[in-house]
Structures are given as structure tokens and as C-alpha cells.
């Protein structure tokens, strides 16, 4: 098993559904790459732009949080830690999982 995936299994149950608190933590850590993460998680460009427009006054943290909430809403029980880590990996920020789940 790949070392990265193995370490995820050691520190965080990858099959658990991502919680709102975990989304809040990640929202503090993601910056300009939030749109790419949203796309990798399955949101459309239209959905991403609506979230950005609706929450621009509240700042980037709230935009990222709302994007993650939209993903959770759409995916339901499929919005797992493993799914989120795969998205983070695609934007080359897989190291962030340690700050969320360790």
C-alpha cells in the first residue's frame, strides 16, 4: 500500500464522512486553490461561481467552507475523508490532512 494512504489509515478513518468541523478547519488552510479542489470534488464551475458570488463579502474562509458544505450536501455518505484527501492530492496539498486529523 502506498505510504501516504497507509499513514492516512493510521491517523484517520478514511471511510468516515467529513464533518462540518473538519470543513471549518480545512477552510482555514485552503487558499487560491479552492476552486480546483471544488472541481475535483465534483462541483461544476457554475456552482463554484455561485458560491463565490453569494459569499464574497464574508471572505475566502466562508467561501471555501460553503464550497465544502455544498460538496457534502451533494455527496451525502460518499463525502468521505478519503474522497477529500484525493481532492487535496490533486491540488498537491495532501499534507493538509495531517493538520485536520492528527
PDB file of N, CA and C in Angstrom:
ATOM      1  N   UNK A   1       0.855  -1.177   0.000  1.00  0.00           N
ATOM      2  CA  UNK A   1       0.000   0.000   0.000  1.00  0.00           C
ATOM      3  C   UNK A   1       0.903   1.242   0.000  1.00  0.00           C
ATOM      4  N   UNK A   2       0.518   2.231  -0.712  1.00  0.00           N
ATOM      5  CA  UNK A   2       1.276   3.481  -0.797  1.00  0.00           C
ATOM      6  C   UNK A   2       1.428   4.073   0.608  1.00  0.00           C
ATOM      7  N   UNK A   3       2.617   4.558   0.931  1.00  0.00           N
ATOM      8  CA  UNK A   3       2.915   5.078   2.261  1.00  0.00           C
ATOM      9  C   UNK A   3       1.946   6.179   2.687  1.00  0.00           C
ATOM     10  N   UNK A   4       1.598   7.068   1.762  1.00  0.00           N
ATOM     11  CA  UNK A   4       0.678   8.159   2.079  1.00  0.00           C
ATOM     12  C   UNK A   4      -0.680   7.607   2.519  1.00  0.00           C
ATOM     13  N   UNK A   5      -1.214   6.680   1.753  1.00  0.00           N
ATOM     14  CA  UNK A   5      -2.523   6.095   2.084  1.00  0.00           C
ATOM     15  C   UNK A   5      -2.426   5.326   3.397  1.00  0.00           C
ATOM     16  N   UNK A   6      -1.336   4.606   3.593  1.00  0.00           N
ATOM     17  CA  UNK A   6      -1.149   3.844   4.822  1.00  0.00           C
ATOM     18  C   UNK A   6      -1.156   4.784   6.028  1.00  0.00           C
ATOM     19  N   UNK A   7      -0.447   5.916   5.929  1.00  0.00           N
ATOM     20  CA  UNK A   7      -0.410   6.845   7.055  1.00  0.00           C
ATOM     21  C   UNK A   7      -1.789   7.456   7.311  1.00  0.00           C
ATOM     22  N   UNK A   8      -2.590   7.653   6.273  1.00  0.00           N
ATOM     23  CA  UNK A   8      -3.955   8.136   6.463  1.00  0.00           C
ATOM     24  C   UNK A   8      -4.762   7.125   7.264  1.00  0.00           C
ATOM     25  N   UNK A   9      -4.594   5.836   6.972  1.00  0.00           N
ATOM     26  CA  UNK A   9      -5.309   4.806   7.717  1.00  0.00           C
ATOM     27  C   UNK A   9      -4.882   4.779   9.180  1.00  0.00           C
ATOM     28  N   UNK A  10      -3.624   5.097   9.448  1.00  0.00           N
ATOM     29  CA  UNK A  10      -3.146   5.090  10.823  1.00  0.00           C
ATOM     30  C   UNK A  10      -3.728   6.226  11.649  1.00  0.00           C
ATOM     31  N   UNK A  11      -3.896   7.400  11.041  1.00  0.00           N
ATOM     32  CA  UNK A  11      -4.299   8.582  11.786  1.00  0.00           C
ATOM     33  C   UNK A  11      -5.775   8.937  11.678  1.00  0.00           C
ATOM     34  N   UNK A  12      -6.421   8.552  10.603  1.00  0.00           N
ATOM     35  CA  UNK A  12      -7.806   8.981  10.400  1.00  0.00           C
ATOM     36  C   UNK A  12      -8.556   7.911   9.618  1.00  0.00           C
ATOM     37  N   UNK A  13      -9.710   7.541  10.106  1.00  0.00           N
ATOM     38  CA  UNK A  13     -10.529   6.562   9.399  1.00  0.00           C
ATOM     39  C   UNK A  13     -11.006   7.180   8.083  1.00  0.00           C
ATOM     40  N   UNK A  14     -10.469   6.706   6.943  1.00  0.00           N
ATOM     41  CA  UNK A  14     -10.775   7.348   5.660  1.00  0.00           C
ATOM     42  C   UNK A  14     -12.211   7.162   5.191  1.00  0.00           C
ATOM     43  N   UNK A  15     -12.937   6.235   5.788  1.00  0.00           N
ATOM     44  CA  UNK A  15     -14.305   5.995   5.341  1.00  0.00           C
ATOM     45  C   UNK A  15     -15.341   6.817   6.095  1.00  0.00           C
ATOM     46  N   UNK A  16     -14.898   7.537   7.099  1.00  0.00           N
ATOM     47  CA  UNK A  16     -15.826   8.413   7.820  1.00  0.00           C
ATOM     48  C   UNK A  16     -16.237   9.579   6.935  1.00  0.00           C
ATOM     49  N   UNK A  17     -17.477  10.001   7.100  1.00  0.00           N
ATOM     50  CA  UNK A  17     -17.972  11.174   6.390  1.00  0.00           C
ATOM     51  C   UNK A  17     -17.327  12.410   7.017  1.00  0.00           C
ATOM     52  N   UNK A  18     -16.908  13.332   6.185  1.00  0.00           N
ATOM     53  CA  UNK A  18     -16.287  14.576   6.643  1.00  0.00           C
ATOM     54  C   UNK A  18     -17.310  15.374   7.455  1.00  0.00           C
ATOM     55  N   UNK A  19     -16.873  15.897   8.583  1.00  0.00           N
ATOM     56  CA  UNK A  19     -17.769  16.664   9.449  1.00  0.00           C
ATOM     57  C   UNK A  19     -17.701  18.151   9.114  1.00  0.00           C
ATOM     58  N   UNK A  20     -18.663  18.883   9.629  1.00  0.00           N
ATOM     59  CA  UNK A  20     -18.662  20.341   9.454  1.00  0.00           C
ATOM     60  C   UNK A  20     -17.444  20.975  10.113  1.00  0.00           C
ATOM     61  N   UNK A  21     -17.039  20.453  11.265  1.00  0.00           N
ATOM     62  CA  UNK A  21     -15.852  20.985  11.943  1.00  0.00           C
ATOM     63  C   UNK A  21     -14.596  20.759  11.104  1.00  0.00           C
ATOM     64  N   UNK A  22     -14.508  19.618  10.457  1.00  0.00           N
ATOM     65  CA  UNK A  22     -13.360  19.341   9.586  1.00  0.00           C
ATOM     66  C   UNK A  22     -13.364  20.283   8.383  1.00  0.00           C
ATOM     67  N   UNK A  23     -14.548  20.592   7.892  1.00  0.00           N
ATOM     68  CA  UNK A  23     -14.663  21.562   6.791  1.00  0.00           C
ATOM     69  C   UNK A  23     -14.213  22.940   7.244  1.00  0.00           C
ATOM     70  N   UNK A  24     -14.569  23.325   8.471  1.00  0.00           N
ATOM     71  CA  UNK A  24     -14.146  24.620   9.010  1.00  0.00           C
ATOM     72  C   UNK A  24     -12.622  24.684   9.111  1.00  0.00           C
ATOM     73  N   UNK A  25     -12.027  23.611   9.601  1.00  0.00           N
ATOM     74  CA  UNK A  25     -10.569  23.571   9.729  1.00  0.00           C
ATOM     75  C   UNK A  25      -9.909  23.680   8.366  1.00  0.00           C
ATOM     76  N   UNK A  26     -10.398  22.911   7.405  1.00  0.00           N
ATOM     77  CA  UNK A  26      -9.812  22.940   6.068  1.00  0.00           C
ATOM     78  C   UNK A  26     -10.013  24.297   5.403  1.00  0.00           C
ATOM     79  N   UNK A  27     -11.139  24.920   5.660  1.00  0.00           N
ATOM     80  CA  UNK A  27     -11.409  26.243   5.069  1.00  0.00           C
ATOM     81  C   UNK A  27     -10.361  27.262   5.498  1.00  0.00           C
ATOM     82  N   UNK A  28      -9.786  27.080   6.670  1.00  0.00           N
ATOM     83  CA  UNK A  28      -8.719  27.967   7.137  1.00  0.00           C
ATOM     84  C   UNK A  28      -7.391  27.694   6.447  1.00  0.00           C
ATOM     85  N   UNK A  29      -7.261  26.507   5.859  1.00  0.00           N
ATOM     86  CA  UNK A  29      -5.972  26.086   5.299  1.00  0.00           C
ATOM     87  C   UNK A  29      -5.882  26.214   3.782  1.00  0.00           C
ATOM     88  N   UNK A  30      -7.023  26.252   3.121  1.00  0.00           N
ATOM     89  CA  UNK A  30      -7.041  26.316   1.656  1.00  0.00           C
ATOM     90  C   UNK A  30      -7.035  27.775   1.225  1.00  0.00           C
ATOM     91  N   UNK A  31      -6.304  28.066   0.176  1.00  0.00           N
ATOM     92  CA  UNK A  31      -6.253  29.443  -0.313  1.00  0.00           C
ATOM     93  C   UNK A  31      -6.715  29.499  -1.764  1.00  0.00           C
ATOM     94  N   UNK A  32      -5.893  29.994  -2.630  1.00  0.00           N
ATOM     95  CA  UNK A  32      -6.273  30.209  -4.027  1.00  0.00           C
ATOM     96  C   UNK A  32      -6.634  28.928  -4.774  1.00  0.00           C
ATOM     97  N   UNK A  33      -6.323  27.787  -4.222  1.00  0.00           N
ATOM     98  CA  UNK A  33      -6.613  26.518  -4.885  1.00  0.00           C
ATOM     99  C   UNK A  33      -8.020  25.983  -4.607  1.00  0.00           C
ATOM    100  N   UNK A  34      -8.840  26.778  -3.960  1.00  0.00           N
ATOM    101  CA  UNK A  34     -10.149  26.274  -3.549  1.00  0.00           C
ATOM    102  C   UNK A  34     -11.034  25.908  -4.730  1.00  0.00           C
ATOM    103  N   UNK A  35     -10.945  26.655  -5.818  1.00  0.00           N
ATOM    104  CA  UNK A  35     -11.781  26.342  -6.981  1.00  0.00           C
ATOM    105  C   UNK A  35     -11.385  24.998  -7.586  1.00  0.00           C
ATOM    106  N   UNK A  36     -10.098  24.758  -7.713  1.00  0.00           N
ATOM    107  CA  UNK A  36      -9.619  23.484  -8.256  1.00  0.00           C
ATOM    108  C   UNK A  36     -10.068  22.336  -7.368  1.00  0.00           C
ATOM    109  N   UNK A  37      -9.982  22.515  -6.053  1.00  0.00           N
ATOM    110  CA  UNK A  37     -10.447  21.471  -5.140  1.00  0.00           C
ATOM    111  C   UNK A  37     -11.932  21.211  -5.362  1.00  0.00           C
ATOM    112  N   UNK A  38     -12.709  22.268  -5.463  1.00  0.00           N
ATOM    113  CA  UNK A  38     -14.140  22.105  -5.710  1.00  0.00           C
ATOM    114  C   UNK A  38     -14.421  21.328  -6.985  1.00  0.00           C
ATOM    115  N   UNK A  39     -13.685  21.622  -8.045  1.00  0.00           N
ATOM    116  CA  UNK A  39     -13.865  20.889  -9.310  1.00  0.00           C
ATOM    117  C   UNK A  39     -13.514  19.419  -9.149  1.00  0.00           C
ATOM    118  N   UNK A  40     -12.408  19.145  -8.474  1.00  0.00           N
ATOM    119  CA  UNK A  40     -12.007  17.746  -8.259  1.00  0.00           C
ATOM    120  C   UNK A  40     -13.003  16.999  -7.377  1.00  0.00           C
ATOM    121  N   UNK A  41     -13.709  17.730  -6.535  1.00  0.00           N
ATOM    122  CA  UNK A  41     -14.722  17.097  -5.693  1.00  0.00           C
ATOM    123  C   UNK A  41     -16.057  16.939  -6.419  1.00  0.00           C
ATOM    124  N   UNK A  42     -16.139  17.461  -7.644  1.00  0.00           N
ATOM    125  CA  UNK A  42     -17.327  17.239  -8.456  1.00  0.00           C
ATOM    126  C   UNK A  42     -18.266  18.417  -8.617  1.00  0.00           C
ATOM    127  N   UNK A  43     -17.919  19.570  -8.063  1.00  0.00           N
ATOM    128  CA  UNK A  43     -18.766  20.744  -8.260  1.00  0.00           C
ATOM    129  C   UNK A  43     -18.537  21.306  -9.657  1.00  0.00           C
ATOM    130  N   UNK A  44     -19.569  21.889 -10.216  1.00  0.00           N
ATOM    131  CA  UNK A  44     -19.456  22.490 -11.536  1.00  0.00           C
ATOM    132  C   UNK A  44     -18.911  23.914 -11.403  1.00  0.00           C
ATOM    133  N   UNK A  45     -18.423  24.444 -12.503  1.00  0.00           N
ATOM    134  CA  UNK A  45     -17.955  25.837 -12.499  1.00  0.00           C
ATOM    135  C   UNK A  45     -19.077  26.787 -12.098  1.00  0.00           C
ATOM    136  N   UNK A  46     -20.281  26.497 -12.557  1.00  0.00           N
ATOM    137  CA  UNK A  46     -21.429  27.328 -12.204  1.00  0.00           C
ATOM    138  C   UNK A  46     -21.690  27.329 -10.709  1.00  0.00           C
ATOM    139  N   UNK A  47     -21.654  26.160 -10.093  1.00  0.00           N
ATOM    140  CA  UNK A  47     -21.865  26.072  -8.645  1.00  0.00           C
ATOM    141  C   UNK A  47     -20.772  26.824  -7.881  1.00  0.00           C
ATOM    142  N   UNK A  48     -19.555  26.671  -8.351  1.00  0.00           N
ATOM    143  CA  UNK A  48     -18.419  27.345  -7.712  1.00  0.00           C
ATOM    144  C   UNK A  48     -18.582  28.862  -7.797  1.00  0.00           C
ATOM    145  N   UNK A  49     -18.971  29.345  -8.953  1.00  0.00           N
ATOM    146  CA  UNK A  49     -19.139  30.796  -9.123  1.00  0.00           C
ATOM    147  C   UNK A  49     -20.292  31.338  -8.287  1.00  0.00           C
ATOM    148  N   UNK A  50     -21.360  30.576  -8.164  1.00  0.00           N
ATOM    149  CA  UNK A  50     -22.487  30.997  -7.324  1.00  0.00           C
ATOM    150  C   UNK A  50     -22.052  31.096  -5.863  1.00  0.00           C
ATOM    151  N   UNK A  51     -21.311  30.103  -5.394  1.00  0.00           N
ATOM    152  CA  UNK A  51     -20.808  30.128  -4.017  1.00  0.00           C
ATOM    153  C   UNK A  51     -19.916  31.353  -3.816  1.00  0.00           C
ATOM    154  N   UNK A  52     -19.031  31.597  -4.766  1.00  0.00           N
ATOM    155  CA  UNK A  52     -18.132  32.751  -4.669  1.00  0.00           C
ATOM    156  C   UNK A  52     -18.939  34.052  -4.617  1.00  0.00           C
ATOM    157  N   UNK A  53     -19.906  34.187  -5.490  1.00  0.00           N
ATOM    158  CA  UNK A  53     -20.729  35.400  -5.548  1.00  0.00           C
ATOM    159  C   UNK A  53     -21.534  35.585  -4.261  1.00  0.00           C
ATOM    160  N   UNK A  54     -22.163  34.506  -3.798  1.00  0.00           N
ATOM    161  CA  UNK A  54     -23.037  34.588  -2.627  1.00  0.00           C
ATOM    162  C   UNK A  54     -22.286  34.914  -1.335  1.00  0.00           C
ATOM    163  N   UNK A  55     -20.997  34.580  -1.270  1.00  0.00           N
ATOM    164  CA  UNK A  55     -20.270  34.710  -0.005  1.00  0.00           C
ATOM    165  C   UNK A  55     -19.027  35.588  -0.101  1.00  0.00           C
ATOM    166  N   UNK A  56     -18.889  36.338  -1.182  1.00  0.00           N
ATOM    167  CA  UNK A  56     -17.678  37.137  -1.374  1.00  0.00           C
ATOM    168  C   UNK A  56     -17.469  38.185  -0.281  1.00  0.00           C
ATOM    169  N   UNK A  57     -18.536  38.718   0.242  1.00  0.00           N
ATOM    170  CA  UNK A  57     -18.420  39.736   1.291  1.00  0.00           C
ATOM    171  C   UNK A  57     -17.847  39.126   2.574  1.00  0.00           C
ATOM    172  N   UNK A  58     -18.145  37.857   2.801  1.00  0.00           N
ATOM    173  CA  UNK A  58     -17.713  37.196   4.039  1.00  0.00           C
ATOM    174  C   UNK A  58     -16.261  36.727   3.998  1.00  0.00           C
ATOM    175  N   UNK A  59     -15.671  36.710   2.818  1.00  0.00           N
ATOM    176  CA  UNK A  59     -14.257  36.356   2.712  1.00  0.00           C
ATOM    177  C   UNK A  59     -14.005  34.922   2.268  1.00  0.00           C
ATOM    178  N   UNK A  60     -12.725  34.654   2.007  1.00  0.00           N
ATOM    179  CA  UNK A  60     -12.315  33.364   1.444  1.00  0.00           C
ATOM    180  C   UNK A  60     -12.633  32.190   2.352  1.00  0.00           C
ATOM    181  N   UNK A  61     -12.432  32.351   3.655  1.00  0.00           N
ATOM    182  CA  UNK A  61     -12.724  31.252   4.581  1.00  0.00           C
ATOM    183  C   UNK A  61     -14.162  30.769   4.419  1.00  0.00           C
ATOM    184  N   UNK A  62     -15.100  31.698   4.392  1.00  0.00           N
ATOM    185  CA  UNK A  62     -16.518  31.327   4.268  1.00  0.00           C
ATOM    186  C   UNK A  62     -16.814  30.743   2.896  1.00  0.00           C
ATOM    187  N   UNK A  63     -16.191  31.259   1.856  1.00  0.00           N
ATOM    188  CA  UNK A  63     -16.386  30.720   0.506  1.00  0.00           C
ATOM    189  C   UNK A  63     -15.948  29.269   0.455  1.00  0.00           C
ATOM    190  N   UNK A  64     -14.763  28.988   0.983  1.00  0.00           N
ATOM    191  CA  UNK A  64     -14.247  27.610   0.975  1.00  0.00           C
ATOM    192  C   UNK A  64     -15.135  26.714   1.825  1.00  0.00           C
ATOM    193  N   UNK A  65     -15.541  27.207   2.986  1.00  0.00           N
ATOM    194  CA  UNK A  65     -16.422  26.420   3.852  1.00  0.00           C
ATOM    195  C   UNK A  65     -17.731  26.084   3.143  1.00  0.00           C
ATOM    196  N   UNK A  66     -18.343  27.065   2.499  1.00  0.00           N
ATOM    197  CA  UNK A  66     -19.601  26.838   1.788  1.00  0.00           C
ATOM    198  C   UNK A  66     -19.417  25.877   0.606  1.00  0.00           C
ATOM    199  N   UNK A  67     -18.267  25.949  -0.055  1.00  0.00           N
ATOM    200  CA  UNK A  67     -17.976  25.019  -1.147  1.00  0.00           C
ATOM    201  C   UNK A  67     -17.916  23.587  -0.615  1.00  0.00           C
ATOM    202  N   UNK A  68     -17.241  23.411   0.518  1.00  0.00           N
ATOM    203  CA  UNK A  68     -17.151  22.077   1.117  1.00  0.00           C
ATOM    204  C   UNK A  68     -18.519  21.595   1.601  1.00  0.00           C
ATOM    205  N   UNK A  69     -19.331  22.492   2.130  1.00  0.00           N
ATOM    206  CA  UNK A  69     -20.689  22.127   2.549  1.00  0.00           C
ATOM    207  C   UNK A  69     -21.531  21.699   1.353  1.00  0.00           C
ATOM    208  N   UNK A  70     -21.388  22.390   0.246  1.00  0.00           N
ATOM    209  CA  UNK A  70     -22.112  22.022  -0.982  1.00  0.00           C
ATOM    210  C   UNK A  70     -21.704  20.625  -1.428  1.00  0.00           C
ATOM    211  N   UNK A  71     -20.404  20.352  -1.399  1.00  0.00           N
ATOM    212  CA  UNK A  71     -19.902  19.017  -1.750  1.00  0.00           C
ATOM    213  C   UNK A  71     -20.507  17.959  -0.824  1.00  0.00           C
ATOM    214  N   UNK A  72     -20.493  18.226   0.490  1.00  0.00           N
ATOM    215  CA  UNK A  72     -21.072  17.276   1.444  1.00  0.00           C
ATOM    216  C   UNK A  72     -22.560  17.056   1.176  1.00  0.00           C
ATOM    217  N   UNK A  73     -23.267  18.124   0.882  1.00  0.00           N
ATOM    218  CA  UNK A  73     -24.704  18.032   0.602  1.00  0.00           C
ATOM    219  C   UNK A  73     -24.952  17.164  -0.626  1.00  0.00           C
ATOM    220  N   UNK A  74     -24.169  17.364  -1.666  1.00  0.00           N
ATOM    221  CA  UNK A  74     -24.356  16.608  -2.903  1.00  0.00           C
ATOM    222  C   UNK A  74     -23.971  15.141  -2.758  1.00  0.00           C
ATOM    223  N   UNK A  75     -22.908  14.886  -2.019  1.00  0.00           N
ATOM    224  CA  UNK A  75     -22.367  13.527  -1.925  1.00  0.00           C
ATOM    225  C   UNK A  75     -22.985  12.692  -0.806  1.00  0.00           C
ATOM    226  N   UNK A  76     -23.502  13.347   0.199  1.00  0.00           N
ATOM    227  CA  UNK A  76     -24.082  12.611   1.314  1.00  0.00           C
ATOM    228  C   UNK A  76     -23.042  11.715   1.980  1.00  0.00           C
ATOM    229  N   UNK A  77     -23.362  10.439   2.116  1.00  0.00           N
ATOM    230  CA  UNK A  77     -22.475   9.483   2.773  1.00  0.00           C
ATOM    231  C   UNK A  77     -21.202   9.199   1.979  1.00  0.00           C
ATOM    232  N   UNK A  78     -21.162   9.649   0.742  1.00  0.00           N
ATOM    233  CA  UNK A  78     -19.966   9.457  -0.089  1.00  0.00           C
ATOM    234  C   UNK A  78     -18.944  10.577   0.107  1.00  0.00           C
ATOM    235  N   UNK A  79     -19.279  11.584   0.919  1.00  0.00           N
ATOM    236  CA  UNK A  79     -18.357  12.691   1.195  1.00  0.00           C
ATOM    237  C   UNK A  79     -17.404  12.270   2.314  1.00  0.00           C
ATOM    238  N   UNK A  80     -16.526  11.346   1.987  1.00  0.00           N
ATOM    239  CA  UNK A  80     -15.645  10.754   2.992  1.00  0.00           C
ATOM    240  C   UNK A  80     -14.306  11.472   3.062  1.00  0.00           C
ATOM    241  N   UNK A  81     -13.597  11.156   4.127  1.00  0.00           N
ATOM    242  CA  UNK A  81     -12.245  11.675   4.283  1.00  0.00           C
ATOM    243  C   UNK A  81     -11.365  11.248   3.113  1.00  0.00           C
ATOM    244  N   UNK A  82     -11.536  10.014   2.666  1.00  0.00           N
ATOM    245  CA  UNK A  82     -10.729   9.512   1.545  1.00  0.00           C
ATOM    246  C   UNK A  82     -10.997  10.332   0.286  1.00  0.00           C
ATOM    247  N   UNK A  83     -12.258  10.655   0.033  1.00  0.00           N
ATOM    248  CA  UNK A  83     -12.608  11.484  -1.127  1.00  0.00           C
ATOM    249  C   UNK A  83     -11.940  12.851  -1.028  1.00  0.00           C
ATOM    250  N   UNK A  84     -12.010  13.443   0.154  1.00  0.00           N
ATOM    251  CA  UNK A  84     -11.436  14.765   0.350  1.00  0.00           C
ATOM    252  C   UNK A  84      -9.918  14.734   0.178  1.00  0.00           C
ATOM    253  N   UNK A  85      -9.280  13.719   0.725  1.00  0.00           N
ATOM    254  CA  UNK A  85      -7.829  13.604   0.594  1.00  0.00           C
ATOM    255  C   UNK A  85      -7.439  13.421  -0.872  1.00  0.00           C
ATOM    256  N   UNK A  86      -8.235  12.681  -1.630  1.00  0.00           N
ATOM    257  CA  UNK A  86      -7.940  12.532  -3.063  1.00  0.00           C
ATOM    258  C   UNK A  86      -8.012  13.885  -3.765  1.00  0.00           C
ATOM    259  N   UNK A  87      -8.996  14.703  -3.391  1.00  0.00           N
ATOM    260  CA  UNK A  87      -9.082  16.045  -3.954  1.00  0.00           C
ATOM    261  C   UNK A  87      -7.888  16.897  -3.558  1.00  0.00           C
ATOM    262  N   UNK A  88      -7.488  16.796  -2.294  1.00  0.00           N
ATOM    263  CA  UNK A  88      -6.312  17.542  -1.834  1.00  0.00           C
ATOM    264  C   UNK A  88      -5.057  17.087  -2.572  1.00  0.00           C
ATOM    265  N   UNK A  89      -4.980  15.808  -2.806  1.00  0.00           N
ATOM    266  CA  UNK A  89      -3.817  15.261  -3.515  1.00  0.00           C
ATOM    267  C   UNK A  89      -3.739  15.829  -4.933  1.00  0.00           C
ATOM    268  N   UNK A  90      -4.874  15.984  -5.574  1.00  0.00           N
ATOM    269  CA  UNK A  90      -4.894  16.501  -6.948  1.00  0.00           C
ATOM    270  C   UNK A  90      -4.466  17.969  -7.027  1.00  0.00           C
ATOM    271  N   UNK A  91      -4.626  18.713  -5.937  1.00  0.00           N
ATOM    272  CA  UNK A  91      -4.142  20.105  -5.936  1.00  0.00           C
ATOM    273  C   UNK A  91      -2.809  20.206  -5.192  1.00  0.00           C
ATOM    274  N   UNK A  92      -2.201  19.052  -4.962  1.00  0.00           N
ATOM    275  CA  UNK A  92      -0.877  18.960  -4.331  1.00  0.00           C
ATOM    276  C   UNK A  92      -0.845  19.540  -2.926  1.00  0.00           C
ATOM    277  N   UNK A  93      -1.911  19.286  -2.189  1.00  0.00           N
ATOM    278  CA  UNK A  93      -1.987  19.739  -0.802  1.00  0.00           C
ATOM    279  C   UNK A  93      -2.411  18.600   0.121  1.00  0.00           C
ATOM    280  N   UNK A  94      -2.021  17.374  -0.234  1.00  0.00           N
ATOM    281  CA  UNK A  94      -2.422  16.227   0.567  1.00  0.00           C
ATOM    282  C   UNK A  94      -1.866  16.281   1.987  1.00  0.00           C
ATOM    283  N   UNK A  95      -0.797  17.023   2.198  1.00  0.00           N
ATOM    284  CA  UNK A  95      -0.203  17.162   3.531  1.00  0.00           C
ATOM    285  C   UNK A  95      -1.165  17.823   4.524  1.00  0.00           C
ATOM    286  N   UNK A  96      -2.165  18.525   4.024  1.00  0.00           N
ATOM    287  CA  UNK A  96      -3.093  19.221   4.918  1.00  0.00           C
ATOM    288  C   UNK A  96      -3.918  18.267   5.769  1.00  0.00           C
ATOM    289  N   UNK A  97      -4.081  17.021   5.334  1.00  0.00           N
ATOM    290  CA  UNK A  97      -4.892  16.098   6.121  1.00  0.00           C
ATOM    291  C   UNK A  97      -4.331  15.930   7.519  1.00  0.00           C
ATOM    292  N   UNK A  98      -3.001  16.042   7.646  1.00  0.00           N
ATOM    293  CA  UNK A  98      -2.397  15.883   8.973  1.00  0.00           C
ATOM    294  C   UNK A  98      -2.834  16.997   9.923  1.00  0.00           C
ATOM    295  N   UNK A  99      -3.057  18.175   9.388  1.00  0.00           N
ATOM    296  CA  UNK A  99      -3.487  19.278  10.224  1.00  0.00           C
ATOM    297  C   UNK A  99      -4.966  19.159  10.606  1.00  0.00           C
ATOM    298  N   UNK A 100      -5.704  18.377   9.853  1.00  0.00           N
ATOM    299  CA  UNK A 100      -7.126  18.197  10.123  1.00  0.00           C
ATOM    300  C   UNK A 100      -7.360  17.033  11.070  1.00  0.00           C
ATOM    301  N   UNK A 101      -6.667  15.914  10.841  1.00  0.00           N
ATOM    302  CA  UNK A 101      -6.973  14.676  11.564  1.00  0.00           C
ATOM    303  C   UNK A 101      -5.890  14.138  12.472  1.00  0.00           C
ATOM    304  N   UNK A 102      -4.854  14.896  12.742  1.00  0.00           N
ATOM    305  CA  UNK A 102      -3.839  14.334  13.635  1.00  0.00           C
ATOM    306  C   UNK A 102      -3.863  14.996  14.992  1.00  0.00           C
TER     307      UNK A 102
END
